[in-house]
Protein backbone atom coordinates (compact mmCIF):
# COMPACT_ATOMS: atom_id res chain seq x y z
CA MET A 1 -2.16 -17.93 -2.68
CA LYS A 2 0.51 -19.04 -0.32
CA ASN A 3 2.12 -22.47 -0.07
CA TYR A 4 1.49 -23.51 -3.64
CA THR A 5 2.15 -22.26 -7.12
CA ILE A 6 -0.13 -22.59 -10.12
CA TYR A 7 1.36 -22.29 -13.59
CA ILE A 8 -1.18 -21.29 -16.21
CA VAL A 9 -1.18 -19.64 -19.59
CA VAL A 10 -3.65 -16.78 -19.87
CA LEU A 11 -4.15 -15.29 -23.30
CA CYS A 12 -4.11 -11.52 -23.47
CA SER A 13 -7.65 -10.78 -24.60
CA GLY A 14 -8.76 -7.90 -26.72
CA LEU A 15 -10.11 -6.25 -23.64
CA LEU A 16 -6.59 -5.42 -22.49
CA LEU A 17 -6.12 -2.62 -25.04
CA ALA A 18 -2.80 -0.78 -24.77
CA GLY A 19 -2.59 -1.82 -21.14
CA CYS A 20 -1.05 -5.07 -22.33
CA GLY A 21 1.96 -2.99 -23.18
CA LYS A 22 4.32 -5.84 -24.12
CA ASP A 23 5.14 -6.86 -27.67
CA PHE A 24 5.41 -10.53 -26.81
CA LEU A 25 1.77 -10.57 -25.79
CA ASN A 26 0.80 -9.66 -29.33
CA LYS A 27 2.42 -12.84 -30.70
CA ASN A 28 1.01 -16.34 -30.79
CA PRO A 29 2.66 -18.02 -27.79
CA GLN A 30 3.89 -21.57 -28.11
CA GLY A 31 1.73 -24.00 -26.17
CA ALA A 32 -1.07 -21.50 -25.50
CA LEU A 33 -4.40 -23.03 -24.62
CA SER A 34 -7.33 -22.43 -26.95
CA GLU A 35 -10.61 -21.09 -25.60
CA GLU A 36 -12.18 -24.52 -26.09
CA GLN A 37 -9.56 -26.02 -23.77
CA VAL A 38 -10.22 -23.53 -20.97
CA LEU A 39 -13.99 -23.32 -21.43
CA ASN A 40 -14.73 -25.57 -18.48
CA SER A 41 -14.65 -25.49 -14.69
CA ASP A 42 -10.89 -25.99 -14.42
CA GLY A 43 -10.14 -23.41 -17.08
CA VAL A 44 -12.39 -20.74 -15.57
CA GLU A 45 -10.97 -21.33 -12.09
CA ALA A 46 -7.43 -21.12 -13.47
CA ASN A 47 -8.23 -17.83 -15.18
CA LEU A 48 -9.64 -16.53 -11.91
CA LEU A 49 -6.43 -17.44 -10.10
CA GLY A 50 -4.57 -15.63 -12.85
CA ALA A 51 -6.63 -12.55 -12.03
CA TYR A 52 -5.66 -12.88 -8.37
CA GLY A 53 -2.04 -13.05 -9.49
CA ILE A 54 -2.00 -9.34 -10.30
CA LEU A 55 -2.52 -8.43 -6.63
CA ASN A 56 1.25 -8.39 -6.13
CA GLY A 57 1.67 -5.96 -9.03
CA ASN A 58 3.95 -8.19 -11.05
CA VAL A 59 3.77 -9.34 -14.66
CA ARG A 60 7.44 -8.98 -15.55
CA GLY A 61 9.58 -11.12 -13.24
CA THR A 62 11.44 -9.71 -10.27
CA TRP A 63 12.88 -6.27 -11.02
CA GLY A 64 10.93 -3.24 -12.14
CA ASN A 65 7.66 -3.63 -10.21
CA VAL A 66 7.92 -0.60 -7.94
CA GLY A 67 5.18 1.47 -9.59
CA ALA A 68 2.61 -1.30 -9.27
CA ALA A 69 3.58 -2.42 -5.76
CA PRO A 70 0.47 -3.38 -3.76
CA SER A 71 1.87 -1.32 -0.88
CA GLN A 72 1.83 1.75 -3.17
CA TRP A 73 4.86 3.14 -1.34
CA LEU A 74 6.08 5.14 -4.33
CA PHE A 75 2.81 6.98 -5.01
CA GLY A 76 1.20 6.78 -1.56
CA GLU A 77 4.11 7.59 0.77
CA VAL A 78 7.06 9.15 -1.06
CA PRO A 79 5.16 12.28 -2.28
CA SER A 80 3.75 12.82 1.23
CA ASP A 81 5.32 14.04 4.47
CA ASN A 82 6.03 10.46 5.57
CA ALA A 83 8.88 9.27 3.39
CA HIS A 84 11.69 9.98 0.98
CA LYS A 85 12.53 8.02 -2.11
CA GLY A 86 15.85 7.31 -0.43
CA SER A 87 18.81 5.66 -2.11
CA GLU A 88 20.90 8.28 -3.98
CA PRO A 89 19.96 11.29 -6.13
CA THR A 90 21.22 9.64 -9.32
CA ASP A 91 19.54 6.27 -8.67
CA ASP A 92 16.22 6.23 -10.56
CA PRO A 93 15.85 10.03 -10.88
CA GLY A 94 12.30 9.55 -12.15
CA MET A 95 11.32 8.77 -8.57
CA ASN A 96 12.82 12.10 -7.51
CA LEU A 97 10.29 13.85 -9.76
CA ILE A 98 7.45 11.96 -8.08
CA GLU A 99 8.68 12.98 -4.63
CA LEU A 100 9.09 16.61 -5.69
CA LEU A 101 5.56 16.64 -7.18
CA THR A 102 6.78 17.16 -10.73
CA PRO A 103 5.98 13.73 -12.25
CA ASN A 104 6.74 13.14 -15.90
CA PRO A 105 4.16 11.53 -18.24
CA ALA A 106 7.05 9.46 -19.61
CA SER A 107 7.71 7.89 -16.18
CA THR A 108 8.26 4.16 -16.43
CA HIS A 109 6.73 3.77 -12.98
CA LEU A 110 3.48 5.45 -14.04
CA THR A 111 3.44 3.39 -17.22
CA HIS A 112 3.91 0.19 -15.26
CA MET A 113 1.19 1.19 -12.79
CA TRP A 114 -1.20 1.67 -15.72
CA GLN A 115 -0.23 -1.46 -17.62
CA VAL A 116 -0.17 -3.87 -14.69
CA TYR A 117 -3.53 -2.91 -13.26
CA TYR A 118 -5.19 -2.89 -16.67
CA GLU A 119 -3.71 -6.36 -17.05
CA GLY A 120 -5.55 -7.19 -13.83
CA VAL A 121 -8.75 -5.74 -15.26
CA ALA A 122 -8.27 -7.76 -18.44
CA ARG A 123 -7.83 -11.01 -16.51
CA CYS A 124 -10.99 -10.32 -14.51
CA ASN A 125 -12.86 -9.57 -17.72
CA ARG A 126 -11.54 -12.71 -19.37
CA THR A 127 -12.70 -14.79 -16.43
CA LEU A 128 -16.18 -13.26 -16.66
CA VAL A 129 -16.35 -13.92 -20.41
CA LEU A 130 -15.35 -17.57 -20.01
CA LEU A 131 -17.78 -17.98 -17.12
CA ARG A 132 -20.65 -16.62 -19.17
CA ARG A 133 -19.85 -18.86 -22.11
CA ASP A 134 -19.63 -21.87 -19.84
CA GLN A 135 -23.03 -21.08 -18.36
CA GLU A 136 -24.50 -20.61 -21.81
CA GLY A 137 -22.91 -23.81 -23.13
CA GLU A 138 -21.69 -26.93 -21.31
CA ASN A 139 -22.56 -25.48 -17.90
CA THR A 140 -19.71 -27.25 -16.10
CA ILE A 141 -19.85 -24.86 -13.15
CA SER A 142 -22.69 -24.96 -10.63
CA ALA A 143 -24.96 -21.94 -10.45
CA ALA A 144 -23.86 -21.20 -6.89
CA ARG A 145 -20.16 -21.33 -7.75
CA ALA A 146 -20.75 -19.28 -10.89
CA VAL A 147 -22.13 -16.42 -8.79
CA GLU A 148 -19.13 -16.65 -6.45
CA ILE A 149 -16.70 -16.54 -9.37
CA GLN A 150 -18.47 -13.51 -10.75
CA ALA A 151 -18.30 -11.83 -7.35
CA GLU A 152 -14.61 -12.64 -6.88
CA SER A 153 -13.80 -11.31 -10.34
CA ARG A 154 -15.76 -8.12 -9.85
CA MET A 155 -14.23 -7.48 -6.42
CA LEU A 156 -10.77 -7.88 -7.89
CA ARG A 157 -11.72 -5.63 -10.78
CA ALA A 158 -13.03 -3.01 -8.37
CA HIS A 159 -9.70 -3.10 -6.56
CA TYR A 160 -7.64 -2.78 -9.72
CA TYR A 161 -9.79 0.06 -11.01
CA PHE A 162 -9.70 1.85 -7.65
CA TYR A 163 -5.91 1.73 -7.65
CA LEU A 164 -5.92 3.16 -11.18
CA TRP A 165 -8.51 5.80 -10.32
CA ARG A 166 -6.66 6.92 -7.20
CA VAL A 167 -3.45 7.49 -9.17
CA PHE A 168 -4.77 8.74 -12.54
CA ARG A 169 -8.39 9.73 -11.76
CA ASN A 170 -9.46 9.98 -15.42
CA ILE A 171 -9.33 6.46 -16.79
CA PRO A 172 -11.21 4.43 -19.43
CA TRP A 173 -13.66 1.76 -18.32
CA ILE A 174 -13.21 -1.60 -20.02
CA ASP A 175 -15.37 -4.53 -18.98
CA GLU A 176 -16.36 -7.98 -20.19
CA ASN A 177 -18.86 -6.50 -22.64
CA THR A 178 -16.37 -4.20 -24.38
CA ALA A 179 -15.52 -5.16 -27.96
CA PHE A 180 -11.90 -5.36 -29.04
CA ASP A 181 -12.01 -2.43 -31.46
CA GLU A 182 -13.88 -0.30 -28.94
CA ALA A 183 -11.41 -1.10 -26.18
CA GLN A 184 -8.42 0.07 -28.20
CA THR A 185 -9.77 3.62 -28.40
CA MET A 186 -11.93 3.86 -25.30
CA PRO A 187 -11.86 7.47 -24.05
CA ASN A 188 -11.21 8.49 -20.46
CA ASN A 189 -13.91 11.14 -20.23
CA GLU A 190 -16.37 9.13 -18.08
CA ASP A 191 -16.56 9.14 -14.30
CA VAL A 192 -15.88 5.45 -13.67
CA TYR A 193 -16.25 5.66 -9.89
CA PRO A 194 -19.93 4.59 -9.85
CA ARG A 195 -18.97 1.48 -11.81
CA ILE A 196 -16.26 0.66 -9.28
CA VAL A 197 -18.80 1.02 -6.49
CA ALA A 198 -21.24 -1.23 -8.38
CA ASP A 199 -18.61 -3.97 -8.69
CA ALA A 200 -17.87 -3.81 -4.97
CA GLN A 201 -21.58 -3.81 -4.13
CA PHE A 202 -22.09 -6.94 -6.23
CA ALA A 203 -19.25 -8.56 -4.30
CA VAL A 204 -20.85 -7.63 -0.96
CA ASP A 205 -24.14 -9.14 -2.09
CA ASN A 206 -22.71 -12.37 -3.48
CA LEU A 207 -19.40 -13.33 -1.88
CA PRO A 208 -19.47 -15.98 0.85
CA GLU A 209 -18.70 -15.18 4.48
CA ALA A 210 -15.84 -17.68 4.58
CA LYS A 211 -12.72 -17.72 2.44
CA ILE A 212 -13.17 -20.05 -0.54
CA ASN A 213 -11.17 -23.24 0.03
CA GLY A 214 -9.89 -21.63 3.23
CA GLU A 215 -7.34 -19.64 1.19
CA MET A 216 -6.40 -16.43 2.99
CA GLY A 217 -5.78 -14.45 -0.17
CA ARG A 218 -9.33 -14.90 -1.47
CA MET A 219 -11.99 -12.22 -1.52
CA ASP A 220 -14.85 -12.76 0.92
CA ARG A 221 -17.83 -10.72 2.10
CA THR A 222 -15.85 -9.04 4.88
CA THR A 223 -13.23 -7.88 2.39
CA ALA A 224 -15.94 -6.55 0.09
CA LYS A 225 -17.71 -4.68 2.89
CA ALA A 226 -14.48 -3.02 3.99
CA TYR A 227 -13.67 -2.08 0.41
CA LEU A 228 -17.13 -0.75 -0.36
CA GLY A 229 -17.00 1.29 2.84
CA LYS A 230 -13.66 2.72 1.75
CA LEU A 231 -15.10 3.65 -1.64
CA TYR A 232 -17.93 5.50 0.07
CA LEU A 233 -15.47 7.19 2.43
CA TYR A 234 -13.57 8.61 -0.54
CA GLN A 235 -16.89 10.09 -1.66
CA ARG A 236 -17.41 11.48 1.87
CA ASN A 237 -20.58 9.42 2.05
CA TYR A 238 -20.05 8.67 5.73
CA GLY A 239 -23.60 7.50 6.34
CA LEU A 240 -23.20 4.61 3.89
CA ALA A 241 -19.60 3.82 4.84
CA LEU A 242 -19.99 3.57 8.61
CA PRO A 243 -22.47 0.66 8.78
CA LEU A 244 -20.19 -1.38 6.53
CA PHE A 245 -17.17 -0.64 8.70
CA LYS A 246 -19.13 -1.58 11.81
CA GLU A 247 -20.04 -4.93 10.28
CA VAL A 248 -16.39 -5.61 9.51
CA ILE A 249 -15.29 -4.65 13.02
CA GLY A 250 -18.12 -6.74 14.43
CA GLY A 251 -16.99 -6.85 18.05
CA LYS A 252 -13.42 -7.86 17.23
CA ASP A 253 -10.95 -6.87 19.94
CA ILE A 254 -7.98 -5.28 18.24
CA THR A 255 -6.22 -4.81 21.57
CA SER A 256 -5.60 -8.56 21.59
CA MET A 257 -4.00 -8.54 18.12
CA PRO A 258 -0.31 -7.63 18.37
CA PHE A 259 0.65 -4.72 16.12
CA GLN A 260 3.94 -6.32 15.09
CA ASN A 261 2.25 -9.50 13.86
CA ASN A 262 1.09 -7.63 10.76
CA PHE A 263 4.68 -7.38 9.57
CA ASN A 264 6.00 -10.82 10.49
CA VAL A 265 6.01 -13.56 7.85
CA ASP A 266 5.24 -16.18 10.53
CA THR A 267 2.13 -14.42 11.89
CA GLU A 268 0.82 -12.53 8.86
CA ASP A 269 -2.35 -14.63 8.48
CA GLY A 270 -3.73 -13.31 11.74
CA PRO A 271 -7.16 -11.96 12.64
CA GLU A 272 -6.32 -8.39 11.64
CA VAL A 273 -6.04 -9.24 7.94
CA VAL A 274 -8.96 -7.95 5.88
CA MET A 275 -7.34 -7.94 2.44
CA ALA A 276 -3.77 -8.86 1.61
CA SER A 277 -1.54 -9.47 -1.34
CA LYS A 278 -0.20 -12.95 -0.61
CA HIS A 279 3.46 -13.51 -1.32
CA ALA A 280 5.68 -16.57 -1.40
CA ILE A 281 9.09 -17.73 -2.49
CA ASN A 282 8.73 -20.29 -5.29
CA PRO A 283 9.80 -23.89 -4.67
CA ASP A 284 12.85 -23.33 -6.90
CA GLY A 285 13.89 -20.32 -4.81
CA SER A 286 12.84 -17.67 -7.33
CA GLY A 287 10.82 -14.68 -6.27
CA ASP A 288 8.34 -13.56 -8.92
CA ASN A 289 5.48 -14.45 -6.53
CA ALA A 290 7.17 -12.60 -3.67
CA ASN A 291 6.88 -8.98 -2.53
CA VAL A 292 8.80 -7.77 -5.57
CA GLY A 293 7.16 -4.34 -5.49
CA ASP A 294 8.81 -3.68 -2.13
CA MET A 295 12.20 -5.22 -2.84
CA LEU A 296 13.93 -1.85 -3.30
CA THR A 297 12.88 -0.90 0.22
CA GLY A 298 15.37 -3.41 1.63
CA ILE A 299 17.95 -1.83 3.90
CA HIS A 300 21.36 -1.20 2.42
CA GLY A 301 25.07 -1.26 3.12
CA THR A 302 26.50 -3.51 5.83
CA SER A 303 23.06 -4.62 6.98
CA PRO A 304 22.14 -8.32 6.71
CA VAL A 305 19.95 -7.40 3.72
CA GLY A 306 22.50 -5.35 1.78
CA CYS A 307 20.13 -3.71 -0.71
CA CYS A 308 18.58 -1.40 -1.80
CA GLY A 309 18.02 1.64 0.42
CA PHE A 310 14.79 3.14 -0.94
CA HIS A 311 11.66 4.33 0.95
CA GLN A 312 13.23 6.04 3.94
CA PRO A 313 11.08 7.56 6.72
CA SER A 314 11.21 11.35 6.83
CA ILE A 315 12.56 13.32 9.77
CA ASP A 316 9.09 14.81 10.08
CA LEU A 317 7.43 11.41 10.41
CA VAL A 318 9.86 10.28 13.12
CA ASN A 319 9.21 13.42 15.14
CA ALA A 320 5.45 12.95 14.77
CA TYR A 321 5.80 9.99 17.15
CA LYS A 322 6.89 12.25 20.00
CA VAL A 323 4.30 12.51 22.80
CA ASP A 324 3.59 14.93 25.61
CA ALA A 325 3.75 14.12 29.32
CA ASN A 326 0.28 12.60 29.08
CA GLY A 327 1.28 10.21 26.31
CA LEU A 328 -0.68 12.09 23.65
CA PRO A 329 0.63 13.24 20.27
CA TYR A 330 1.35 16.85 19.40
CA PHE A 331 -1.04 18.56 16.99
CA ASN A 332 -0.43 21.47 14.61
CA ASN A 333 3.18 20.43 13.98
CA ALA A 334 4.22 21.18 17.56
CA TYR A 335 6.37 18.04 17.47
CA ARG A 336 8.80 19.97 15.26
CA VAL A 337 9.99 22.06 18.21
CA ASP A 338 13.47 20.84 19.23
CA PRO A 339 13.40 18.07 16.62
CA TYR A 340 15.01 14.70 17.17
CA LEU A 341 17.60 14.05 14.44
CA SER A 342 19.43 10.94 15.68
CA ASP A 343 23.12 11.43 14.76
CA PHE A 344 22.28 13.45 11.66
CA GLY A 345 24.44 16.54 11.27
CA ILE A 346 27.25 15.40 13.57
CA THR A 347 30.37 15.98 11.49
CA ASP A 348 33.09 15.38 14.05
CA THR A 349 34.27 11.80 13.60
CA ALA A 350 34.91 11.17 17.28
CA ALA A 351 31.57 12.68 18.31
CA LYS A 352 29.82 10.62 15.65
CA ARG A 353 31.41 7.46 17.01
CA ARG A 354 30.47 8.34 20.60
CA TYR A 355 26.81 9.01 19.80
CA VAL A 356 24.39 7.19 22.11
CA VAL A 357 20.64 7.16 21.61
CA SER A 358 18.77 9.19 24.20
CA ASP A 359 16.68 7.01 26.49
CA THR A 360 14.80 10.11 27.67
CA LEU A 361 13.18 10.76 24.29
CA ARG A 362 9.46 10.38 24.97
CA VAL A 363 7.83 8.59 22.05
CA ASP A 364 4.98 6.36 21.00
CA PRO A 365 6.43 2.80 20.91
CA ARG A 366 5.10 2.32 17.36
CA LEU A 367 8.04 4.46 16.24
CA ASP A 368 10.53 1.66 16.82
CA TYR A 369 8.34 -0.92 15.10
CA THR A 370 8.00 1.31 12.04
CA VAL A 371 11.38 3.03 11.78
CA GLY A 372 14.98 1.95 12.22
CA ARG A 373 17.13 4.51 14.04
CA ARG A 374 20.66 4.45 15.33
CA GLY A 375 21.14 2.80 18.72
CA VAL A 376 17.83 0.90 18.66
CA PRO A 377 17.49 -2.87 18.06
CA TYR A 378 16.21 -3.59 14.57
CA LEU A 379 14.24 -6.84 14.29
CA ASP A 380 16.78 -9.59 15.07
CA TYR A 381 19.62 -7.90 13.15
CA GLY A 382 21.15 -6.28 16.22
CA VAL A 383 21.39 -2.60 17.06
CA MET A 384 20.96 -0.30 14.07
CA PRO A 385 24.40 1.33 13.57
CA GLY A 386 23.28 4.39 11.63
CA ASP A 387 24.98 5.54 8.44
CA GLY A 388 26.42 2.13 7.56
CA TRP A 389 22.93 0.86 6.67
CA ILE A 390 21.97 3.92 4.61
CA ARG A 391 23.04 4.71 1.05
CA ALA A 392 23.15 8.51 1.21
CA VAL A 393 22.24 10.12 4.54
CA SER A 394 22.49 13.63 3.10
CA TRP A 395 19.82 12.68 0.54
CA GLY A 396 17.38 10.38 2.35
CA GLY A 397 18.06 11.22 5.99
CA PRO A 398 19.20 9.12 8.98
CA PHE A 399 16.28 6.68 9.24
CA ILE A 400 15.25 3.42 7.55
CA GLY A 401 11.95 1.60 7.19
CA MET A 402 11.03 -1.63 8.91
CA LYS A 403 7.55 -2.84 7.99
CA SER A 404 8.61 -4.46 4.72
CA MET A 405 11.54 -6.37 6.25
CA ILE A 406 11.64 -9.89 7.67
CA ASN A 407 13.80 -11.28 10.46
CA GLN A 408 17.24 -12.55 9.54
CA SER A 409 16.29 -15.88 11.09
CA GLN A 410 13.53 -16.16 8.46
CA PHE A 411 15.76 -15.65 5.41
CA ALA A 412 16.35 -19.35 4.73
CA SER A 413 12.73 -20.23 3.96
CA ASN A 414 11.20 -16.83 3.23
CA ALA A 415 13.70 -14.97 1.05
CA VAL A 416 15.36 -15.52 -2.31
CA PRO A 417 18.79 -17.08 -1.73
CA GLY A 418 21.42 -14.36 -2.01
CA ALA A 419 18.75 -11.65 -2.30
CA PRO A 420 17.06 -11.31 1.12
CA TYR A 421 15.36 -8.09 0.03
CA ILE A 422 12.98 -10.31 -2.00
CA THR A 423 10.77 -12.03 0.57
CA GLY A 424 7.54 -13.87 1.10
CA LEU A 425 6.14 -11.21 3.42
CA ASP A 426 2.54 -10.34 2.57
CA VAL A 427 1.36 -6.76 2.06
CA ASN A 428 -1.79 -5.74 3.88
CA ILE A 429 -4.01 -3.78 1.51
CA ILE A 430 -6.64 -3.36 4.23
CA ARG A 431 -6.18 -4.38 7.86
CA LEU A 432 -8.53 -4.06 10.79
CA ALA A 433 -6.80 -1.01 12.31
CA ASP A 434 -7.33 0.80 9.02
CA VAL A 435 -11.04 -0.08 9.10
CA ILE A 436 -11.38 1.03 12.72
CA LEU A 437 -9.80 4.39 11.95
CA MET A 438 -11.98 4.83 8.86
CA ALA A 439 -14.97 4.15 11.12
CA ALA A 440 -13.65 6.73 13.59
CA GLU A 441 -13.41 9.25 10.77
CA CYS A 442 -17.02 8.60 9.82
CA GLU A 443 -18.13 9.01 13.43
CA VAL A 444 -16.40 12.40 13.64
CA GLU A 445 -17.98 13.66 10.44
CA LEU A 446 -21.40 12.39 11.56
CA GLY A 447 -21.06 14.12 14.94
CA ASN A 448 -20.63 11.07 17.19
CA LEU A 449 -17.44 12.07 18.98
CA SER A 450 -17.79 9.45 21.71
CA GLY A 451 -17.92 6.72 19.10
CA ALA A 452 -14.82 8.13 17.39
CA LEU A 453 -13.06 8.34 20.76
CA ALA A 454 -13.70 4.67 21.48
CA TYR A 455 -12.31 3.59 18.11
CA VAL A 456 -9.16 5.73 18.34
CA ASN A 457 -8.48 4.70 21.92
CA ALA A 458 -8.71 1.02 21.00
CA ILE A 459 -5.82 1.56 18.60
CA ARG A 460 -3.85 3.46 21.22
CA VAL A 461 -4.46 0.88 23.94
CA ARG A 462 -3.12 -1.76 21.57
CA ALA A 463 -0.06 0.41 20.85
CA ALA A 464 0.70 0.60 24.57
CA THR A 465 1.15 -3.18 24.68
CA LEU A 466 4.15 -3.12 22.35
CA PRO A 467 7.27 -4.42 24.14
CA ALA A 468 9.87 -1.75 24.82
CA LYS A 469 13.02 -1.97 22.70
CA GLN A 470 16.01 -2.46 24.99
CA VAL A 471 19.80 -2.59 24.97
CA ASP A 472 21.44 -4.33 27.95
CA ALA A 473 18.00 -4.63 29.59
CA VAL A 474 17.49 -0.84 29.48
CA ASP A 475 14.75 0.82 27.45
CA VAL A 476 16.20 2.87 24.59
CA ALA A 477 13.43 5.49 24.85
CA ASN A 478 10.84 6.77 27.26
CA TYR A 479 7.96 4.89 25.68
CA LEU A 480 4.55 6.32 26.44
CA VAL A 481 1.21 6.15 24.69
CA ALA A 482 -2.14 6.71 26.37
CA PRO A 483 -5.80 6.96 25.38
CA TYR A 484 -7.43 10.34 24.93
CA PRO A 485 -9.55 11.33 27.95
CA SER A 486 -12.05 13.03 25.64
CA PHE A 487 -12.64 14.68 22.29
CA PRO A 488 -13.80 18.16 23.32
CA ASP A 489 -14.90 19.28 19.85
CA VAL A 490 -15.08 18.23 16.22
CA ASN A 491 -11.84 19.88 15.15
CA TYR A 492 -9.90 18.22 17.96
CA ALA A 493 -11.45 14.85 17.13
CA ARG A 494 -10.70 15.25 13.45
CA ASN A 495 -7.06 16.07 14.20
CA ALA A 496 -6.81 13.08 16.54
CA VAL A 497 -8.18 10.64 13.97
CA ARG A 498 -5.96 11.97 11.22
CA MET A 499 -2.87 11.83 13.44
CA GLU A 500 -3.72 8.29 14.51
CA ARG A 501 -3.95 7.16 10.90
CA ARG A 502 -0.51 8.59 10.31
CA LEU A 503 1.06 6.93 13.36
CA GLU A 504 -0.63 3.55 12.92
CA LEU A 505 -0.40 3.18 9.13
CA ALA A 506 2.87 4.99 8.38
CA MET A 507 4.87 3.59 5.45
CA GLU A 508 1.93 1.40 4.35
CA GLY A 509 0.89 3.43 1.31
CA HIS A 510 -2.04 5.47 2.68
CA ARG A 511 -0.69 8.90 3.60
CA PHE A 512 -0.63 10.82 0.30
CA TYR A 513 -4.07 9.58 -0.67
CA ASP A 514 -5.42 10.50 2.77
CA LEU A 515 -4.06 14.04 2.51
CA VAL A 516 -5.62 14.45 -0.93
CA ARG A 517 -9.06 13.17 0.05
CA TRP A 518 -9.05 15.31 3.22
CA GLY A 519 -8.28 18.37 1.09
CA ILE A 520 -5.22 19.31 3.15
CA ALA A 521 -2.43 18.07 0.88
CA LYS A 522 -1.22 21.53 -0.13
CA GLU A 523 -0.90 22.99 3.35
CA THR A 524 0.52 19.80 4.83
CA ILE A 525 3.14 19.06 2.19
CA GLU A 526 4.31 22.64 1.76
CA SER A 527 4.69 23.04 5.54
CA TYR A 528 6.55 19.75 5.68
CA SER A 529 8.80 20.84 2.83
CA ALA A 530 9.84 23.96 4.74
CA PHE A 531 10.66 21.88 7.85
CA GLU A 532 12.36 18.93 6.16
CA GLY A 533 14.27 21.27 3.86
CA ARG A 534 16.15 22.74 6.82
CA TYR A 535 18.03 19.46 7.08
CA LEU A 536 17.70 17.95 3.61
CA PRO A 537 17.81 20.93 1.20
CA ALA A 538 16.65 18.92 -1.81
CA TYR A 539 13.12 18.87 -0.38
CA ASN A 540 12.82 22.58 0.37
CA GLY A 541 10.41 24.62 -1.74
CA ILE A 542 8.04 21.86 -2.86
CA ILE A 543 4.84 23.36 -4.27
CA PHE A 544 1.58 21.43 -4.32
CA ASN A 545 -0.54 22.46 -7.29
CA THR A 546 -4.16 21.50 -7.93
CA TRP A 547 -3.15 18.91 -10.49
CA ASN A 548 -0.91 17.16 -7.94
CA ASN A 549 -4.06 15.52 -6.55
CA TYR A 550 -3.40 12.89 -9.21
CA TYR A 551 -0.69 11.91 -11.69
CA PRO A 552 -0.31 12.26 -15.45
CA ILE A 553 -1.66 9.65 -17.84
CA PRO A 554 1.37 7.80 -19.27
CA GLN A 555 2.25 9.41 -22.59
CA ILE A 556 2.85 6.04 -24.22
CA GLU A 557 -0.76 5.05 -23.50
CA ILE A 558 -2.08 8.30 -24.98
CA ASP A 559 -0.06 7.65 -28.11
CA ARG A 560 -1.21 4.03 -28.38
CA SER A 561 -4.84 5.09 -28.07
CA GLY A 562 -4.53 7.33 -31.14
CA ARG A 563 -4.81 10.21 -28.68
CA THR A 564 -8.31 9.18 -27.67
CA LEU A 565 -7.03 9.31 -24.11
CA ILE A 566 -6.83 12.91 -22.88
CA GLN A 567 -3.97 14.01 -20.64
CA ASN A 568 -4.88 15.18 -17.14
CA ASP A 569 -4.97 18.92 -16.56
CA GLY A 570 -1.64 20.40 -15.56
CA TYR A 571 0.45 17.80 -17.38
CA ASN A 572 -0.07 18.89 -20.98
C-alpha cells in the first residue's frame, strides 16, 4: 500500500509447512505478539495487510527476490522467445539453465518462488483463522467487514496459489483448516485448480465494488472478476471467462489511456490498473517494499542506473515489432526476413562509432516504449548509446528493457539513494489491455470474429497515439501501426490476437505461460532458438520437452516433506 508503511510481527503458523524455509522463523522471536494480542479487529486487519505484503515477492530484504518477482520475468519471459537472462554467462548461471529449458531442482530461484508464495498462503490462512476465532469469540469485527476480510484473504490466496500452480503445477493445498502435522507432509497429488477457482469465485461474490479505504493495492470485485476470468481462460472455458472480462471492460475506453502511463511512477495509479503489486521507497530510504524482484533488470554500465543488466529483449522480439506497408504485423515469423540487428555484429571500430539508427525502419511505436536500442531516446536519460549500457552484448544481445525503469528525474523520491535500480515503480499483475486481449481470445474461440476484431483494434488504435521518438526533431523510425480491416477466418484471428498479446505485453511476464497454455511452446521456442542462435550461439539448439510446460519441485522441499512431495515428471 503506497505512501505509508506498516510494521507488524506475523508469527509463522503451522500452516506454512516447509514453505517457511528459514531457520529464524522456527525460533521464538523477541517481542512477538501472542494470539490473544492480535485476536481483535486491529490484529486481524494487520495480519491481512501482512498477507498483502507478499504481493511484491519479498520476505528477505532487498537482494535475492528474482524468483518470486510479481512480474515473473525470470519464469514468464526469459524461457520464452521474448527475452534473455542477460548480464554475463558466469553471473547467476542457474538462470542460464532456466533460459535453456534445463532447470535444476536445486535452483535457489525455484526454491524462493515456492517458499515466498507459500508464505503468502500461510499469511492468508492465518488471517482467516484469526477472523474465525474473533467471530466465534469477542466479535470485534462487524459481520459485513468480516465477509470482506474473508474475500480479500481468499482472493490473495487464489493469486498466490495460481502463481505456484503455473510454475510447478503439482502442488499441495494448505488452507485454514489444515492441521500443523498434516501440513508438514501434505502430498502434491491433488488437482488444486478447482480450489483456486473457488477462492476467486468467493471473492467475486463478496468483495466490494470500490477499493477498501480507497487504497489502490486492495482487492476489489473488478480484480476478482478479471482473475476468475483468467482462471477460466487457462482451462479454455471461454464461455465462462468472456462474460467476466466484459464486465471488467464495462465500456472503458482504452484508447484514452496512454500506454506509457502504465510504466511511469507518477501515473501508475491510472484507470488501466486492474491488479498491481504496489511498491514504495521506505521513509528511511530503504527499499524492501520496492520493486526488489525487478532490481536486476536495471540497465548497466555507463547508464544513469549503472546496474544490473539482466532481462534483455531478444533480437526476435525486437523484429516482431516490424510492420508491413499497411501498418500490420508479420505472421508466421516473416518478420525474420532481413532482420534488424542495431549495431550488433559490427566489428570495425570506426564503423561502430559511425553507426546511425535507420529512420526508415518501419515499426510499431510500442517497440521504443518497450525496448532500448542504440540511437533512440531512452526515457529522459538521453539517446541510448549501445554497448556501453550492456554488460555482455555477445551473450544478451544489443537491446535493453524499459518497462521496469523510471525516469532519471524521478530518482530522488522514487529510488533507493545510490541504488536507482531499486524503485517504487508498481508492477501490473493484470491491466486492462491484458483483459481486453483475453476477451478477444475468447471471442475468437467462440466464433465471434467481429467482436475479437473490435477488441484487438482498440489496442492498436491506442498504440498509434504513442508520440514518436525523435532526435533533433526527426523521427528515429518510420512509426506505423494500424487497425486490422477484418479477420477473414479463425486462424488469422487467432494469430492476430496472439501477436497482439506479444506486442502489447512484452517483458511483463506473460509470454512463456501464454505459449504453454496455447499448446505452441515447443514449435515457437525451437523455431526461435534456430533464429536467435544465428547471432547468439548460446541459444541455438534449445529443445522443448513435454515436462518443460512446468518446472521442477524444489528438491529441498521434497526432502523437508519426508519425500511426501513427488517430483514432477522429467525432473527425477
